[in-house]
Structure formats: C-alpha cells, structure tokens
Amino acid sequence: MEGEAICPCEKTMPLTQFYPKDSTSEYIQGEGARDDSVFYLKPNGDEIVGFSWGYKYKTPEEFAKGKYKTSFMQNAIKALLNLQGVNGELFYFSEAGVREDFRGQGISSELSEKLLTEARLLGLPVVMRTNCESPMVFVANKLGMEQIMGPNLEIVRDETNNRGILRRIGFVNNLCDTEIEDRILFMLQSD
C-alpha cells in the first residue's frame, strides 16, 4: 500500500500516514464550517507555510463530549474543567502547524498568539489538547499556558543542540487520558 513502510523497531508493523490527505481535508472542512471557527494562515509567497485554528464550546460538557469518546473521560474532563473554574463558554485551540522547512522561525508562536488574542477578545479561557511529545508543548509553555492533565513534563535544555527536550515526571492532577495516554491538556484562564 502506498504510504506504508516497515517500522524499524517492529519489523512486522507497517507505518501508515498519520494525516491522510482525504480524511484530513474532510476534518479541516468540518472544523471550518463551524460558525465560530477562527483560522489564521501564514503565507510565504503563494504558499501557505503555517496555520492555526480554534473555536468556542458553550460548556465544558459540550467540549468533553465533542473531543472524548468514553463516558469516563467525558466526565473526568468536565469535572477537571469545572475545578479549574470553567463552567461556561471556552475557546478550544484546535490545531497549529508549520511546514517543516519553516520551523524555528517563531511562526507557530505567532499563529498561536493570534488564537489567544481572539480568546482574550471574547473573554474566554483557552483549552488545548496535544501529544506530550509535540512541539506545541514548548509553544504552550512559552505562551504561559498551564498543563492541567496528562504526563507531567519537565523541559530540559539539551546542550549538544541547544534545544529543549521533554522528560516525563509523573502525571498532572493524577489524571491520565485513558483514550490516548500521551495526550495532555493545557489551559489559559481569561484575563
């Protein structure tokens, strides 16, 4: 099958494309069809080299039901957000990405800050889900977001390449995403 390769660590498991073009396109179109969605693009000439988008949820319950599959996680996320003081509307930081050859130029931070500015204008707290190994962890920390769930991460400076690396040191709020263990949740309270 096109797009598959043998995983170097498991000779029996094929690698598959993480974001298949067709389903990813459908996902983006669905997110963009929301009345309250906000998209930002970073052009470079006639190409798009970065993007970010987000939108509102009316309640933590609506967010939990929209983003989590099991009733256990839906209830846990609703309770966690309520404990954080989120009882009404919230702004969901859905996605951000920068083309690989344009990374390291602050584009992700710029596009992410635009989403946070949108949330501030609306007076809403921001919630972001990401993988604990995603570069978005560094962006969230840089933007002052607080991790409220998932593997507790410590950012350590790697002196050999002068970059940050992430080290797991337990779990934040003793809550692990039982659907995807490596998923974490960040939050930024409204001003």
C-alpha atoms as a PDB file:
ATOM      1  CA  MET A   1       0.000   0.000   0.000  1.00  0.00           C
ATOM      2  CA  GLU A   2       1.309   3.457  -0.881  1.00  0.00           C
ATOM      3  CA  GLY A   3       2.492   5.477   2.121  1.00  0.00           C
ATOM      4  CA  GLU A   4       3.441   2.427   4.190  1.00  0.00           C
ATOM      5  CA  ALA A   5       6.901   1.334   5.264  1.00  0.00           C
ATOM      6  CA  ILE A   6       8.200  -1.232   7.704  1.00  0.00           C
ATOM      7  CA  CYS A   7       8.684   0.216  11.162  1.00  0.00           C
ATOM      8  CA  PRO A   8      12.405  -0.027  12.010  1.00  0.00           C
ATOM      9  CA  CYS A   9      11.685  -1.078  15.604  1.00  0.00           C
ATOM     10  CA  GLU A  10       8.935  -3.585  14.839  1.00  0.00           C
ATOM     11  CA  LYS A  11       9.658  -5.444  11.609  1.00  0.00           C
ATOM     12  CA  THR A  12       6.083  -6.725  11.464  1.00  0.00           C
ATOM     13  CA  MET A  13       4.149  -3.452  11.831  1.00  0.00           C
ATOM     14  CA  PRO A  14       3.657  -1.142   8.848  1.00  0.00           C
ATOM     15  CA  LEU A  15       3.926   2.612   9.275  1.00  0.00           C
ATOM     16  CA  THR A  16       0.946   4.488   7.924  1.00  0.00           C
ATOM     17  CA  GLN A  17       0.467   8.110   7.029  1.00  0.00           C
ATOM     18  CA  PHE A  18      -0.626   9.953  10.189  1.00  0.00           C
ATOM     19  CA  TYR A  19      -2.663  12.631   8.425  1.00  0.00           C
ATOM     20  CA  PRO A  20      -4.078  11.046   5.262  1.00  0.00           C
ATOM     21  CA  LYS A  21      -4.915  13.779   2.769  1.00  0.00           C
ATOM     22  CA  ASP A  22      -8.595  12.943   2.184  1.00  0.00           C
ATOM     23  CA  SER A  23      -9.673  12.430   5.796  1.00  0.00           C
ATOM     24  CA  THR A  24      -7.591  15.395   6.969  1.00  0.00           C
ATOM     25  CA  SER A  25      -9.178  17.611   4.331  1.00  0.00           C
ATOM     26  CA  GLU A  26     -12.648  16.495   5.482  1.00  0.00           C
ATOM     27  CA  TYR A  27     -11.691  17.145   9.119  1.00  0.00           C
ATOM     28  CA  ILE A  28     -10.451  20.682   8.343  1.00  0.00           C
ATOM     29  CA  GLN A  29     -13.561  21.460   6.294  1.00  0.00           C
ATOM     30  CA  GLY A  30     -15.771  20.274   9.159  1.00  0.00           C
ATOM     31  CA  GLU A  31     -13.903  22.410  11.673  1.00  0.00           C
ATOM     32  CA  GLY A  32     -14.034  25.404   9.337  1.00  0.00           C
ATOM     33  CA  ALA A  33     -17.773  25.003   8.809  1.00  0.00           C
ATOM     34  CA  ARG A  34     -18.454  25.940  12.421  1.00  0.00           C
ATOM     35  CA  ASP A  35     -19.965  29.412  12.731  1.00  0.00           C
ATOM     36  CA  ASP A  36     -17.479  30.353  15.437  1.00  0.00           C
ATOM     37  CA  SER A  37     -14.266  28.957  13.940  1.00  0.00           C
ATOM     38  CA  VAL A  38     -11.264  31.218  13.517  1.00  0.00           C
ATOM     39  CA  PHE A  39      -8.469  30.357  11.050  1.00  0.00           C
ATOM     40  CA  TYR A  40      -5.099  32.030  10.655  1.00  0.00           C
ATOM     41  CA  LEU A  41      -2.726  31.288   7.795  1.00  0.00           C
ATOM     42  CA  LYS A  42       0.921  32.221   7.318  1.00  0.00           C
ATOM     43  CA  PRO A  43       1.718  32.765   3.644  1.00  0.00           C
ATOM     44  CA  ASN A  44       5.137  32.763   2.055  1.00  0.00           C
ATOM     45  CA  GLY A  45       4.667  33.988  -1.476  1.00  0.00           C
ATOM     46  CA  ASP A  46       1.874  31.920  -2.962  1.00  0.00           C
ATOM     47  CA  GLU A  47       2.300  29.039  -0.475  1.00  0.00           C
ATOM     48  CA  ILE A  48       0.839  28.505   2.971  1.00  0.00           C
ATOM     49  CA  VAL A  49       3.626  27.586   5.393  1.00  0.00           C
ATOM     50  CA  GLY A  50       1.683  27.701   8.667  1.00  0.00           C
ATOM     51  CA  PHE A  51      -1.837  27.618  10.074  1.00  0.00           C
ATOM     52  CA  SER A  52      -3.788  27.711  13.297  1.00  0.00           C
ATOM     53  CA  TRP A  53      -7.452  27.476  14.131  1.00  0.00           C
ATOM     54  CA  GLY A  54      -9.813  27.285  17.038  1.00  0.00           C
ATOM     55  CA  TYR A  55     -13.425  27.814  18.066  1.00  0.00           C
ATOM     56  CA  LYS A  56     -15.796  28.112  21.015  1.00  0.00           C
ATOM     57  CA  TYR A  57     -17.610  25.492  23.005  1.00  0.00           C
ATOM     58  CA  LYS A  58     -20.647  26.538  25.034  1.00  0.00           C
ATOM     59  CA  THR A  59     -19.801  24.377  28.060  1.00  0.00           C
ATOM     60  CA  PRO A  60     -17.104  22.020  29.359  1.00  0.00           C
ATOM     61  CA  GLU A  61     -19.628  19.204  28.850  1.00  0.00           C
ATOM     62  CA  GLU A  62     -20.026  20.061  25.159  1.00  0.00           C
ATOM     63  CA  PHE A  63     -16.221  20.149  24.796  1.00  0.00           C
ATOM     64  CA  ALA A  64     -15.812  16.814  26.600  1.00  0.00           C
ATOM     65  CA  LYS A  65     -18.491  15.106  24.509  1.00  0.00           C
ATOM     66  CA  GLY A  66     -17.055  16.576  21.300  1.00  0.00           C
ATOM     67  CA  LYS A  67     -13.463  15.566  21.955  1.00  0.00           C
ATOM     68  CA  TYR A  68     -13.579  12.395  24.075  1.00  0.00           C
ATOM     69  CA  LYS A  69     -15.179   9.072  23.181  1.00  0.00           C
ATOM     70  CA  THR A  70     -15.736   7.350  26.517  1.00  0.00           C
ATOM     71  CA  SER A  71     -18.125   8.471  29.213  1.00  0.00           C
ATOM     72  CA  PHE A  72     -15.312   8.064  31.766  1.00  0.00           C
ATOM     73  CA  MET A  73     -13.124  10.639  30.014  1.00  0.00           C
ATOM     74  CA  GLN A  74     -16.068  12.916  29.228  1.00  0.00           C
ATOM     75  CA  ASN A  75     -16.973  13.030  32.916  1.00  0.00           C
ATOM     76  CA  ALA A  76     -13.337  13.403  34.015  1.00  0.00           C
ATOM     77  CA  ILE A  77     -12.695  16.319  31.619  1.00  0.00           C
ATOM     78  CA  LYS A  78     -15.921  18.082  32.565  1.00  0.00           C
ATOM     79  CA  ALA A  79     -15.041  17.745  36.270  1.00  0.00           C
ATOM     80  CA  LEU A  80     -11.445  18.864  35.685  1.00  0.00           C
ATOM     81  CA  LEU A  81     -12.511  21.975  33.789  1.00  0.00           C
ATOM     82  CA  ASN A  82     -15.120  22.775  36.453  1.00  0.00           C
ATOM     83  CA  LEU A  83     -12.385  22.506  39.120  1.00  0.00           C
ATOM     84  CA  GLN A  84     -10.324  24.939  37.045  1.00  0.00           C
ATOM     85  CA  GLY A  85     -13.214  27.409  37.186  1.00  0.00           C
ATOM     86  CA  VAL A  86     -14.507  26.784  33.667  1.00  0.00           C
ATOM     87  CA  ASN A  87     -18.281  26.458  33.893  1.00  0.00           C
ATOM     88  CA  GLY A  88     -19.432  28.254  30.748  1.00  0.00           C
ATOM     89  CA  GLU A  89     -18.006  29.019  27.327  1.00  0.00           C
ATOM     90  CA  LEU A  90     -14.415  28.200  26.462  1.00  0.00           C
ATOM     91  CA  PHE A  91     -12.194  28.679  23.435  1.00  0.00           C
ATOM     92  CA  TYR A  92     -10.687  25.498  22.028  1.00  0.00           C
ATOM     93  CA  PHE A  93      -7.239  25.849  20.478  1.00  0.00           C
ATOM     94  CA  SER A  94      -7.730  23.117  17.905  1.00  0.00           C
ATOM     95  CA  GLU A  95      -4.666  22.926  15.677  1.00  0.00           C
ATOM     96  CA  ALA A  96      -1.479  24.690  14.660  1.00  0.00           C
ATOM     97  CA  GLY A  97       1.227  23.606  12.290  1.00  0.00           C
ATOM     98  CA  VAL A  98       4.204  24.920  10.398  1.00  0.00           C
ATOM     99  CA  ARG A  99       5.816  23.373   7.367  1.00  0.00           C
ATOM    100  CA  GLU A 100       8.998  21.619   8.461  1.00  0.00           C
ATOM    101  CA  ASP A 101      11.402  23.816   6.470  1.00  0.00           C
ATOM    102  CA  PHE A 102       9.907  26.954   8.117  1.00  0.00           C
ATOM    103  CA  ARG A 103      10.093  25.758  11.730  1.00  0.00           C
ATOM    104  CA  GLY A 104      12.264  27.544  14.247  1.00  0.00           C
ATOM    105  CA  GLN A 105      11.278  30.996  12.979  1.00  0.00           C
ATOM    106  CA  GLY A 106       8.564  31.764  15.553  1.00  0.00           C
ATOM    107  CA  ILE A 107       5.700  31.154  13.124  1.00  0.00           C
ATOM    108  CA  SER A 108       3.908  28.684  15.405  1.00  0.00           C
ATOM    109  CA  SER A 109       4.154  31.119  18.324  1.00  0.00           C
ATOM    110  CA  GLU A 110       2.868  33.959  16.137  1.00  0.00           C
ATOM    111  CA  LEU A 111      -0.126  31.971  14.881  1.00  0.00           C
ATOM    112  CA  SER A 112      -0.861  30.589  18.342  1.00  0.00           C
ATOM    113  CA  GLU A 113      -0.750  34.060  19.876  1.00  0.00           C
ATOM    114  CA  LYS A 114      -3.377  35.157  17.350  1.00  0.00           C
ATOM    115  CA  LEU A 115      -5.715  32.452  18.653  1.00  0.00           C
ATOM    116  CA  LEU A 116      -5.064  33.509  22.245  1.00  0.00           C
ATOM    117  CA  THR A 117      -5.775  37.119  21.296  1.00  0.00           C
ATOM    118  CA  GLU A 118      -9.098  36.018  19.804  1.00  0.00           C
ATOM    119  CA  ALA A 119      -9.967  34.209  23.045  1.00  0.00           C
ATOM    120  CA  ARG A 120      -8.992  37.283  25.101  1.00  0.00           C
ATOM    121  CA  LEU A 121     -11.237  39.479  22.970  1.00  0.00           C
ATOM    122  CA  LEU A 122     -14.078  37.050  23.692  1.00  0.00           C
ATOM    123  CA  GLY A 123     -13.145  36.939  27.391  1.00  0.00           C
ATOM    124  CA  LEU A 124     -12.866  33.147  27.309  1.00  0.00           C
ATOM    125  CA  PRO A 125     -10.457  30.651  28.865  1.00  0.00           C
ATOM    126  CA  VAL A 126      -8.448  28.620  26.334  1.00  0.00           C
ATOM    127  CA  VAL A 127      -8.118  24.833  26.296  1.00  0.00           C
ATOM    128  CA  MET A 128      -5.596  22.981  24.102  1.00  0.00           C
ATOM    129  CA  ARG A 129      -5.077  19.226  23.662  1.00  0.00           C
ATOM    130  CA  THR A 130      -1.858  17.892  22.226  1.00  0.00           C
ATOM    131  CA  ASN A 131       0.532  14.962  22.410  1.00  0.00           C
ATOM    132  CA  CYS A 132       3.113  15.132  25.198  1.00  0.00           C
ATOM    133  CA  GLU A 133       5.903  14.886  22.608  1.00  0.00           C
ATOM    134  CA  SER A 134       4.527  17.591  20.305  1.00  0.00           C
ATOM    135  CA  PRO A 135       6.435  20.832  19.651  1.00  0.00           C
ATOM    136  CA  MET A 136       3.205  22.527  20.775  1.00  0.00           C
ATOM    137  CA  VAL A 137       4.227  21.728  24.367  1.00  0.00           C
ATOM    138  CA  PHE A 138       7.044  24.277  24.011  1.00  0.00           C
ATOM    139  CA  VAL A 139       4.684  26.801  22.393  1.00  0.00           C
ATOM    140  CA  ALA A 140       2.075  26.355  25.152  1.00  0.00           C
ATOM    141  CA  ASN A 141       4.723  26.896  27.816  1.00  0.00           C
ATOM    142  CA  LYS A 142       6.096  29.942  26.019  1.00  0.00           C
ATOM    143  CA  LEU A 143       2.575  31.420  25.859  1.00  0.00           C
ATOM    144  CA  GLY A 144       2.001  30.898  29.589  1.00  0.00           C
ATOM    145  CA  MET A 145      -0.491  28.062  29.318  1.00  0.00           C
ATOM    146  CA  GLU A 146      -0.779  25.737  32.305  1.00  0.00           C
ATOM    147  CA  GLN A 147      -0.790  21.974  31.852  1.00  0.00           C
ATOM    148  CA  ILE A 148      -3.801  20.542  33.687  1.00  0.00           C
ATOM    149  CA  MET A 149      -3.801  16.875  32.637  1.00  0.00           C
ATOM    150  CA  GLY A 150      -1.585  14.084  31.363  1.00  0.00           C
ATOM    151  CA  PRO A 151       2.056  13.138  31.721  1.00  0.00           C
ATOM    152  CA  ASN A 152       3.795  15.806  33.795  1.00  0.00           C
ATOM    153  CA  LEU A 153       6.576  17.205  31.652  1.00  0.00           C
ATOM    154  CA  GLU A 154       9.816  18.874  32.548  1.00  0.00           C
ATOM    155  CA  ILE A 155      11.597  20.826  29.834  1.00  0.00           C
ATOM    156  CA  VAL A 156      15.332  20.202  29.969  1.00  0.00           C
ATOM    157  CA  ARG A 157      17.882  22.014  27.822  1.00  0.00           C
ATOM    158  CA  ASP A 158      19.939  19.655  25.618  1.00  0.00           C
ATOM    159  CA  GLU A 159      23.335  21.344  25.474  1.00  0.00           C
ATOM    160  CA  THR A 160      24.507  19.370  22.421  1.00  0.00           C
ATOM    161  CA  ASN A 161      21.987  21.013  20.084  1.00  0.00           C
ATOM    162  CA  ASN A 162      20.757  23.858  22.327  1.00  0.00           C
ATOM    163  CA  ARG A 163      17.166  22.646  22.179  1.00  0.00           C
ATOM    164  CA  GLY A 164      14.645  21.721  24.803  1.00  0.00           C
ATOM    165  CA  ILE A 165      13.776  18.103  25.416  1.00  0.00           C
ATOM    166  CA  LEU A 166      10.808  16.809  27.381  1.00  0.00           C
ATOM    167  CA  ARG A 167      11.125  14.433  30.308  1.00  0.00           C
ATOM    168  CA  ARG A 168       8.119  12.767  31.960  1.00  0.00           C
ATOM    169  CA  ILE A 169       7.910  13.071  35.740  1.00  0.00           C
ATOM    170  CA  GLY A 170       4.533  11.639  36.773  1.00  0.00           C
ATOM    171  CA  PHE A 171       1.035  12.911  35.948  1.00  0.00           C
ATOM    172  CA  VAL A 172      -0.553  16.326  36.356  1.00  0.00           C
ATOM    173  CA  ASN A 173      -3.588  16.177  38.686  1.00  0.00           C
ATOM    174  CA  ASN A 174      -3.123  12.390  38.742  1.00  0.00           C
ATOM    175  CA  LEU A 175      -5.223  12.273  35.593  1.00  0.00           C
ATOM    176  CA  CYS A 176      -4.210  10.297  32.547  1.00  0.00           C
ATOM    177  CA  ASP A 177      -6.165  10.283  29.309  1.00  0.00           C
ATOM    178  CA  THR A 178      -7.348   6.678  29.173  1.00  0.00           C
ATOM    179  CA  GLU A 179      -8.145   7.013  25.469  1.00  0.00           C
ATOM    180  CA  ILE A 180      -4.689   8.242  24.416  1.00  0.00           C
ATOM    181  CA  GLU A 181      -2.177   8.038  27.271  1.00  0.00           C
ATOM    182  CA  ASP A 182       0.270  10.519  25.695  1.00  0.00           C
ATOM    183  CA  ARG A 183      -2.360  13.244  25.292  1.00  0.00           C
ATOM    184  CA  ILE A 184      -2.141  16.274  27.543  1.00  0.00           C
ATOM    185  CA  LEU A 185      -4.395  19.229  28.226  1.00  0.00           C
ATOM    186  CA  PHE A 186      -3.306  22.852  28.596  1.00  0.00           C
ATOM    187  CA  MET A 187      -5.369  25.779  29.765  1.00  0.00           C
ATOM    188  CA  LEU A 188      -5.059  29.543  29.909  1.00  0.00           C
ATOM    189  CA  GLN A 189      -7.501  31.452  32.087  1.00  0.00           C
ATOM    190  CA  SER A 190      -9.155  34.537  30.631  1.00  0.00           C
ATOM    191  CA  ASP A 191      -7.882  37.888  31.848  1.00  0.00           C
END
